[in-house]
Protein backbone atom coordinates (compact mmCIF):
# COMPACT_ATOMS: atom_id res chain seq x y z
CA MET A 1 95.93 110.46 85.91
CA SER A 2 95.41 111.94 82.41
CA SER A 3 92.88 112.30 80.46
CA ARG A 4 94.40 109.74 78.26
CA ALA A 5 93.49 106.16 78.33
CA GLU A 6 95.18 103.84 79.93
CA ARG A 7 96.55 100.56 78.62
CA ALA A 8 94.50 97.15 79.59
CA THR A 9 96.06 95.60 81.87
CA LYS A 10 95.68 91.67 82.69
CA ALA A 11 95.63 89.83 85.77
CA VAL A 12 94.82 86.19 85.79
CA VAL A 13 93.42 84.18 88.84
CA GLY A 14 92.90 80.69 88.75
CA ASP A 15 90.96 79.72 85.11
CA VAL A 16 89.66 83.76 85.67
CA GLU A 17 91.71 86.59 83.38
CA ILE A 18 91.23 90.00 84.72
CA ILE A 19 91.40 92.40 82.57
CA SER A 20 91.18 96.57 83.32
CA LEU A 21 89.52 98.80 81.00
CA TRP A 22 89.31 101.99 80.76
CA ASP A 23 86.25 104.36 80.29
CA GLY A 24 87.81 107.82 81.43
CA THR A 25 87.68 110.49 84.25
CA LEU A 26 85.26 112.66 86.55
CA SER A 27 86.39 115.77 88.55
CA ALA A 28 85.87 115.05 91.86
CA ASN A 29 87.14 117.44 94.74
CA LEU A 30 86.93 118.37 98.46
CA ASP A 31 83.79 119.11 98.85
CA THR A 32 82.61 115.88 98.46
CA ILE A 33 84.40 114.71 101.46
CA ARG A 34 83.04 114.45 104.65
CA ASN A 35 83.48 114.26 108.32
CA LEU A 36 87.80 115.29 108.03
CA ASP A 37 89.33 118.70 108.57
CA PRO A 38 89.62 120.36 104.87
CA ALA A 39 93.15 120.86 105.70
CA GLU A 40 93.85 117.35 106.41
CA ALA A 41 92.50 116.05 103.43
CA GLN A 42 94.14 118.82 100.84
CA ARG A 43 97.49 117.14 102.42
CA LEU A 44 96.73 113.89 101.51
CA ILE A 45 95.54 115.01 98.64
CA ASP A 46 99.54 116.46 98.42
CA ASN A 47 100.87 112.86 99.77
CA ALA A 48 98.90 111.07 96.66
CA ALA A 49 100.08 113.62 94.00
CA SER A 50 103.84 113.66 95.19
CA ALA A 51 104.18 109.93 95.49
CA THR A 52 102.26 108.79 92.33
CA GLY A 53 102.72 112.26 89.88
CA ALA A 54 99.40 111.95 89.30
CA ASP A 55 95.76 114.11 90.03
CA PRO A 56 94.07 111.99 92.61
CA LEU A 57 91.15 114.44 91.81
CA VAL A 58 90.82 113.14 88.49
CA LEU A 59 89.12 110.07 88.90
CA PRO A 60 89.60 107.33 86.58
CA VAL A 61 86.62 105.35 86.42
CA ARG A 62 87.33 101.21 84.46
CA ALA A 63 85.23 98.56 84.07
CA PHE A 64 87.27 95.03 83.81
CA LEU A 65 86.53 92.27 82.12
CA LEU A 66 86.46 88.51 83.71
CA ARG A 67 87.71 86.12 81.07
CA THR A 68 87.35 82.38 81.18
CA ALA A 69 87.26 79.03 79.49
CA ASP A 70 82.60 78.84 78.07
CA ARG A 71 82.59 82.83 79.37
CA LEU A 72 83.42 86.77 78.95
CA ALA A 73 81.85 88.84 82.22
CA LEU A 74 81.70 92.26 82.36
CA VAL A 75 82.20 94.15 85.59
CA ASP A 76 80.63 97.19 85.37
CA ALA A 77 80.08 99.21 82.08
CA GLY A 78 81.22 102.89 82.53
CA SER A 79 78.92 105.68 82.14
CA GLY A 80 78.13 105.63 77.71
CA MET A 81 78.09 109.55 77.23
CA THR A 82 76.23 110.36 80.96
CA LYS A 83 79.51 112.17 82.39
CA GLY A 84 79.93 113.93 79.94
CA PRO A 85 82.72 114.03 77.31
CA THR A 86 85.48 112.99 78.98
CA MET A 87 83.84 109.56 79.40
CA GLY A 88 82.06 106.43 77.63
CA HIS A 89 85.44 104.57 75.86
CA LEU A 90 84.41 101.66 77.38
CA PRO A 91 83.50 100.73 73.85
CA ALA A 92 86.37 101.52 71.81
CA SER A 93 88.58 99.63 75.50
CA LEU A 94 86.44 96.45 74.16
CA ALA A 95 87.66 96.53 70.53
CA ALA A 96 91.34 96.73 71.41
CA ILE A 97 91.39 93.82 72.91
CA GLY A 98 88.84 91.61 70.22
CA ALA A 99 85.78 91.53 72.47
CA PRO A 100 82.29 93.37 70.66
CA PRO A 101 79.58 94.37 72.86
CA GLU A 102 77.80 91.09 71.55
CA ALA A 103 80.22 88.53 72.89
CA ILE A 104 79.69 89.22 76.25
CA ASP A 105 78.10 86.73 77.99
CA ALA A 106 76.97 88.77 81.12
CA VAL A 107 77.48 92.07 82.59
CA LEU A 108 77.95 92.16 86.61
CA LEU A 109 76.82 94.64 88.15
CA THR A 110 78.28 96.10 91.51
CA HIS A 111 75.98 99.02 92.24
CA LEU A 112 72.85 101.02 90.39
CA HIS A 113 75.44 104.88 90.43
CA MET A 114 75.39 105.59 87.06
CA ASP A 115 79.00 106.07 85.85
CA HIS A 116 79.42 102.22 86.68
CA ILE A 117 75.35 101.59 84.47
CA GLY A 118 75.26 104.36 82.17
CA GLY A 119 77.37 102.28 78.92
CA LEU A 120 74.55 99.64 79.39
CA THR A 121 72.48 101.67 77.02
CA ASP A 122 72.98 103.79 73.57
CA ASP A 123 70.91 107.40 73.04
CA ARG A 124 68.28 105.35 71.87
CA GLY A 125 67.67 103.12 75.12
CA ARG A 126 69.00 100.11 72.98
CA PRO A 127 70.74 97.03 75.06
CA VAL A 128 74.00 97.91 74.23
CA PHE A 129 75.20 94.06 74.97
CA PRO A 130 72.32 92.32 73.11
CA ASN A 131 73.56 89.26 74.09
CA ALA A 132 73.94 89.50 78.01
CA GLU A 133 72.32 89.32 81.00
CA LEU A 134 72.76 92.10 83.65
CA VAL A 135 73.45 90.24 87.28
CA LEU A 136 73.15 92.15 90.45
CA HIS A 137 72.44 91.80 93.85
CA SER A 138 68.77 91.16 95.41
CA LYS A 139 69.26 93.94 97.55
CA GLU A 140 70.51 96.87 95.33
CA ALA A 141 67.52 95.93 93.45
CA GLU A 142 65.12 96.24 95.62
CA PHE A 143 66.42 99.11 96.97
CA PHE A 144 66.62 101.12 93.41
CA LEU A 145 64.45 98.77 91.21
CA ASP A 146 61.49 98.14 93.53
CA THR A 147 61.46 101.41 96.66
CA PRO A 148 58.27 103.93 95.69
CA LEU A 149 60.47 107.39 95.11
CA ASP A 150 59.09 108.17 98.10
CA ARG A 151 60.87 106.24 100.18
CA LEU A 152 64.41 107.23 98.58
CA ASP A 153 66.11 109.62 99.71
CA GLU A 154 66.84 112.81 98.00
CA ARG A 155 69.85 111.73 95.96
CA SER A 156 68.91 108.22 95.18
CA ALA A 157 65.74 109.79 94.08
CA ARG A 158 67.68 111.88 91.53
CA HIS A 159 68.53 109.46 88.65
CA VAL A 160 66.14 106.48 89.47
CA ALA A 161 64.01 106.75 86.61
CA VAL A 162 66.67 106.79 84.30
CA GLN A 163 68.28 104.33 86.14
CA ARG A 164 65.13 101.68 86.23
CA ALA A 165 65.18 102.42 82.15
CA ILE A 166 68.32 101.52 81.71
CA VAL A 167 67.25 98.35 83.91
CA GLY A 168 64.44 97.65 81.74
CA ALA A 169 66.03 98.28 78.34
CA TYR A 170 67.36 94.12 79.66
CA GLY A 171 63.78 92.45 79.48
CA THR A 172 63.86 89.69 81.06
CA ARG A 173 67.78 89.06 81.13
CA VAL A 174 68.02 90.95 84.50
CA ARG A 175 68.53 88.51 86.90
CA ARG A 176 68.87 89.15 91.07
CA VAL A 177 71.17 87.06 93.48
CA ASP A 178 72.60 86.78 97.00
CA ASP A 179 75.43 86.52 98.54
CA GLY A 180 77.90 83.57 97.15
CA GLU A 181 75.60 83.01 93.77
CA GLY A 182 76.93 84.11 90.59
CA PHE A 183 78.44 81.87 88.54
CA PRO A 184 81.60 78.87 89.01
CA ALA A 185 84.92 80.36 90.56
CA ILE A 186 82.74 84.19 89.98
CA SER A 187 80.55 85.48 93.04
CA ALA A 188 78.51 88.06 94.77
CA ARG A 189 80.14 89.76 98.16
CA LEU A 190 77.42 92.16 99.50
CA ALA A 191 79.43 95.38 100.88
CA PRO A 192 77.14 98.01 101.82
CA GLY A 193 76.74 101.51 102.87
CA HIS A 194 78.05 103.32 99.46
CA THR A 195 74.15 102.21 98.03
CA PRO A 196 72.32 99.44 100.86
CA GLY A 197 73.35 96.85 97.92
CA HIS A 198 76.62 97.57 96.76
CA SER A 199 78.29 94.65 95.98
CA THR A 200 81.49 93.14 95.15
CA TRP A 201 82.64 90.39 92.81
CA ARG A 202 85.00 87.57 94.23
CA ILE A 203 86.94 85.20 91.93
CA GLY A 204 88.20 82.23 93.36
CA PRO A 205 88.63 81.33 96.99
CA PRO A 206 90.68 84.67 99.57
CA GLU A 207 93.69 83.54 100.05
CA ALA A 208 94.65 82.85 96.13
CA GLY A 209 91.51 85.60 94.57
CA ALA A 210 90.32 88.42 93.26
CA VAL A 211 88.02 90.93 94.22
CA VAL A 212 86.73 93.50 91.99
CA LEU A 213 85.91 96.46 94.41
CA GLY A 214 83.32 98.65 92.91
CA ASP A 215 82.24 102.03 95.11
CA VAL A 216 84.03 100.65 98.61
CA VAL A 217 86.84 102.81 97.84
CA HIS A 218 86.24 106.04 96.28
CA LEU A 219 89.22 108.61 96.16
CA ALA A 220 91.64 106.54 97.12
CA ALA A 221 93.89 109.06 98.06
CA ILE A 222 91.46 109.62 101.18
CA GLN A 223 90.02 106.68 101.88
CA LEU A 224 92.91 104.08 101.98
CA PRO A 225 94.75 106.24 105.30
CA ARG A 226 91.41 107.17 106.44
CA PRO A 227 89.26 104.87 105.38
CA LEU A 228 85.99 105.66 107.95
CA VAL A 229 86.11 108.98 105.42
CA PRO A 230 82.61 108.78 103.40
CA MET A 231 81.84 111.03 100.65
CA ILE A 232 78.91 112.20 99.29
CA TYR A 233 77.49 109.65 97.42
CA ASP A 234 77.03 107.16 100.14
CA VAL A 235 73.42 106.57 100.96
CA ASP A 236 74.58 105.50 104.38
CA PRO A 237 77.88 106.68 105.32
CA ASP A 238 78.59 104.99 108.49
CA ARG A 239 78.06 101.72 107.18
CA ALA A 240 80.05 102.44 104.05
CA GLY A 241 82.83 103.25 105.90
CA ARG A 242 82.88 99.97 108.60
CA THR A 243 82.47 97.96 105.05
CA ARG A 244 85.47 99.50 103.86
CA VAL A 245 87.41 98.90 107.35
CA ALA A 246 85.99 95.17 107.15
CA LEU A 247 86.86 94.85 103.62
CA LEU A 248 90.88 96.21 103.83
CA GLU A 249 91.66 93.89 106.40
CA GLU A 250 90.62 90.78 104.45
CA ILE A 251 92.39 92.09 101.81
CA SER A 252 95.95 93.06 103.12
CA ARG A 253 95.46 89.49 105.26
CA THR A 254 94.85 87.67 102.68
CA GLY A 255 97.05 89.06 99.79
CA MET A 256 93.81 88.93 97.22
CA LEU A 257 94.01 90.83 93.81
CA VAL A 258 92.47 93.80 93.73
CA ALA A 259 90.90 95.28 91.56
CA GLY A 260 88.63 98.86 91.34
CA ALA A 261 86.55 101.51 89.42
CA HIS A 262 88.90 104.41 90.48
CA LEU A 263 92.49 103.28 91.73
CA PRO A 264 95.32 104.53 91.38
CA ALA A 265 96.61 103.35 87.90
CA PRO A 266 96.30 100.73 86.81
CA GLY A 267 93.53 99.89 89.17
CA ILE A 268 94.39 96.16 89.80
CA GLY A 269 97.05 95.86 92.24
CA HIS A 270 97.32 94.65 96.13
CA ILE A 271 96.24 96.66 99.37
CA ALA A 272 98.72 96.04 102.31
CA LYS A 273 98.14 97.26 105.81
CA LYS A 274 100.44 99.94 107.70
CA GLY A 275 99.66 101.16 110.96
CA ASP A 276 95.93 102.16 110.41
CA ALA A 277 96.00 103.17 107.14
CA PHE A 278 96.25 101.31 102.97
CA VAL A 279 98.66 101.26 100.44
CA PHE A 280 98.05 100.61 96.88
CA THR A 281 100.60 98.99 94.97
CA PRO A 282 99.59 98.62 91.48
CA TYR A 283 99.92 95.47 89.85
CA ARG A 284 102.94 94.61 87.48
CA PRO A 285 102.77 91.83 84.76
CA ARG A 286 105.79 89.41 84.64
CA GLY A 287 107.51 89.58 81.80
């Protein structure tokens, strides 16, 4: 994937328009992959590069705008500048589709890792989305916002002070939800492992709906053909693998549309099962 911005892609599910929004790229490497022979990992990376013409280790980062008749909801908020100069393009992507930050009514969070929440505040710690409420799964809030620091694993504790400050900047405009809650036709569904409260956001019914994956699939070139393979970022690697397999099975069975922060361009498409592996097909708008 080049560092150039992707063009926003739109898909419609029921009464909800889903728009992919570019935030930038992050560099990955094979050292982040667990429990897979390095030669096999490299073979999978080479296969994906040959198939797509893009470097699978240059990870795209996106947010998704959900537009309904009465609401603009953003799923995740990119990294802002917390991850360096290749990131932080979400405000420009929003401007390009005529959706300024003050027009956003809600930001629906899949989880509290920095490449998904760093764009919530500016360099002075002020909310970027002044009229939005933050909505996140209660399990994720309990883990990152409520757990005493000495009870967190080392990786999760690394940025927790910043994470709490970012969420805290929204004051009383933070809402914790459980499975099935959110808004009409848009609801949270726990998908744990990457973090204890990691959730997806479901749009409409499975047979005719869509799901925003968050980091259920983080490195598609590896985790679609080998869905049980975890990464160092997973708090519970085994559970992350089980969650991924179960969700990919459901997606492939129902044919629901998927939207993923780190999926290949344009980040929206379909996932089908092929043997024990899964294959992503990019969404192509009609016309």
